[in-house]
Amino acid sequence: MQNRNLLRKQVIKERKRKNRLFFLSFFVCLFFIVFSLVFDDMGIIRYLHLKKGEQEILNKIRGLDMERITLTEEIDKIESDNFYLEKKAREELGLSRPDEYIFKFEE
């Protein structure tokens, strides 16, 4: 009888040891998987950083598209509207007609 109890205790002890080993190895593997998913070169942090960079680039593209549209409209005005061309020449280049005087006031 006592021999049986010793055997039973030994079997229980072995099961506990195997269970502990299994859970320890399971959690170590789980830790490494989660760590690599978060901090690796292709992890979540890198993904979020790249996503933020993508949004910044898309915003720059939108801004450049708006600038392109504005410049295209201005080119069309310069090519077709002589009054606009004369206005730009007066404002930006300081040009005038031969019989005109230009007064510049300093603030």
Protein backbone atom coordinates (compact mmCIF):
# COMPACT_ATOMS: atom_id res chain seq x y z
CA MET A 1 0.00 0.00 0.00
CA GLN A 2 2.73 2.38 0.93
CA ASN A 3 4.49 1.49 -2.27
CA ARG A 4 1.38 2.47 -4.20
CA ASN A 5 1.16 5.84 -2.48
CA LEU A 6 4.78 6.57 -3.28
CA LEU A 7 4.22 5.70 -6.89
CA ARG A 8 1.11 7.88 -7.00
CA LYS A 9 2.99 10.81 -5.43
CA GLN A 10 5.79 10.36 -7.90
CA VAL A 11 3.36 10.35 -10.85
CA ILE A 12 1.64 13.51 -9.53
CA LYS A 13 5.01 15.16 -9.04
CA GLU A 14 6.04 14.28 -12.61
CA ARG A 15 2.78 15.68 -14.02
CA LYS A 16 3.23 18.94 -12.11
CA ARG A 17 6.79 19.23 -13.36
CA LYS A 18 5.72 18.58 -16.96
CA ASN A 19 2.86 21.07 -16.65
CA ARG A 20 5.20 23.71 -15.25
CA LEU A 21 7.69 23.06 -18.03
CA PHE A 22 4.94 23.20 -20.65
CA PHE A 23 3.51 26.49 -19.34
CA LEU A 24 6.96 28.01 -18.93
CA SER A 25 7.95 27.13 -22.49
CA PHE A 26 4.52 28.28 -23.75
CA PHE A 27 4.86 31.70 -22.10
CA VAL A 28 8.47 32.11 -23.24
CA CYS A 29 7.43 31.39 -26.84
CA LEU A 30 4.42 33.67 -26.50
CA PHE A 31 6.65 36.45 -25.14
CA PHE A 32 9.07 36.17 -28.07
CA ILE A 33 6.23 36.13 -30.59
CA VAL A 34 4.59 39.21 -29.08
CA PHE A 35 7.96 40.95 -28.75
CA SER A 36 8.78 40.31 -32.42
CA LEU A 37 5.30 41.43 -33.53
CA VAL A 38 5.69 44.71 -31.69
CA PHE A 39 9.39 45.63 -31.89
CA ASP A 40 10.75 43.80 -34.95
CA ASP A 41 11.68 45.50 -38.25
CA MET A 42 8.28 44.54 -39.60
CA GLY A 43 6.46 44.98 -36.29
CA ILE A 44 3.54 47.12 -35.26
CA ILE A 45 5.65 50.10 -34.20
CA ARG A 46 7.43 50.17 -37.56
CA TYR A 47 4.08 49.80 -39.34
CA LEU A 48 2.60 52.77 -37.46
CA HIS A 49 5.70 54.85 -38.20
CA LEU A 50 5.44 54.02 -41.91
CA LYS A 51 1.70 54.75 -41.90
CA LYS A 52 2.38 58.21 -40.40
CA GLY A 53 5.04 58.85 -43.06
CA GLU A 54 2.58 57.78 -45.75
CA GLN A 55 0.01 60.29 -44.50
CA GLU A 56 2.61 63.07 -44.50
CA ILE A 57 3.61 62.23 -48.07
CA LEU A 58 -0.02 62.12 -49.19
CA ASN A 59 -0.61 65.54 -47.61
CA LYS A 60 2.42 66.92 -49.45
CA ILE A 61 1.10 65.44 -52.71
CA ARG A 62 -2.29 67.09 -52.14
CA GLY A 63 -0.60 70.43 -51.47
CA LEU A 64 1.54 70.12 -54.58
CA ASP A 65 -1.53 69.20 -56.65
CA MET A 66 -3.31 72.32 -55.42
CA GLU A 67 -0.24 74.41 -56.23
CA ARG A 68 -0.04 72.83 -59.69
CA ILE A 69 -3.69 73.64 -60.36
CA THR A 70 -3.17 77.24 -59.22
CA LEU A 71 -0.09 77.64 -61.40
CA THR A 72 -1.88 76.09 -64.39
CA GLU A 73 -4.74 78.56 -63.97
CA GLU A 74 -2.26 81.43 -63.73
CA ILE A 75 -0.48 80.27 -66.89
CA ASP A 76 -3.80 80.13 -68.71
CA LYS A 77 -4.62 83.67 -67.53
CA ILE A 78 -1.21 84.97 -68.61
CA GLU A 79 -1.54 83.37 -72.04
CA SER A 80 -5.09 84.56 -72.70
CA ASP A 81 -5.66 87.77 -70.70
CA ASN A 82 -3.49 90.76 -71.64
CA PHE A 83 -4.84 92.86 -68.76
CA TYR A 84 -3.73 90.18 -66.25
CA LEU A 85 -0.30 89.99 -67.90
CA GLU A 86 0.09 93.77 -67.65
CA LYS A 87 -1.03 93.71 -64.00
CA LYS A 88 1.53 91.03 -63.13
CA ALA A 89 4.30 92.92 -64.95
CA ARG A 90 3.47 96.08 -63.00
CA GLU A 91 3.17 94.38 -59.59
CA GLU A 92 6.03 91.90 -59.67
CA LEU A 93 8.55 93.47 -62.03
CA GLY A 94 7.82 97.13 -61.36
CA LEU A 95 7.37 97.91 -65.06
CA SER A 96 5.48 100.90 -66.34
CA ARG A 97 4.45 102.51 -69.59
CA PRO A 98 6.70 105.21 -71.06
CA ASP A 99 4.49 108.09 -69.90
CA GLU A 100 3.89 106.80 -66.33
CA TYR A 101 5.70 107.41 -63.06
CA ILE A 102 6.04 104.85 -60.28
CA PHE A 103 5.85 105.99 -56.66
CA LYS A 104 7.04 103.60 -53.97
CA PHE A 105 6.12 104.33 -50.39
CA GLU A 106 8.03 102.87 -47.49
CA GLU A 107 6.20 102.03 -44.30
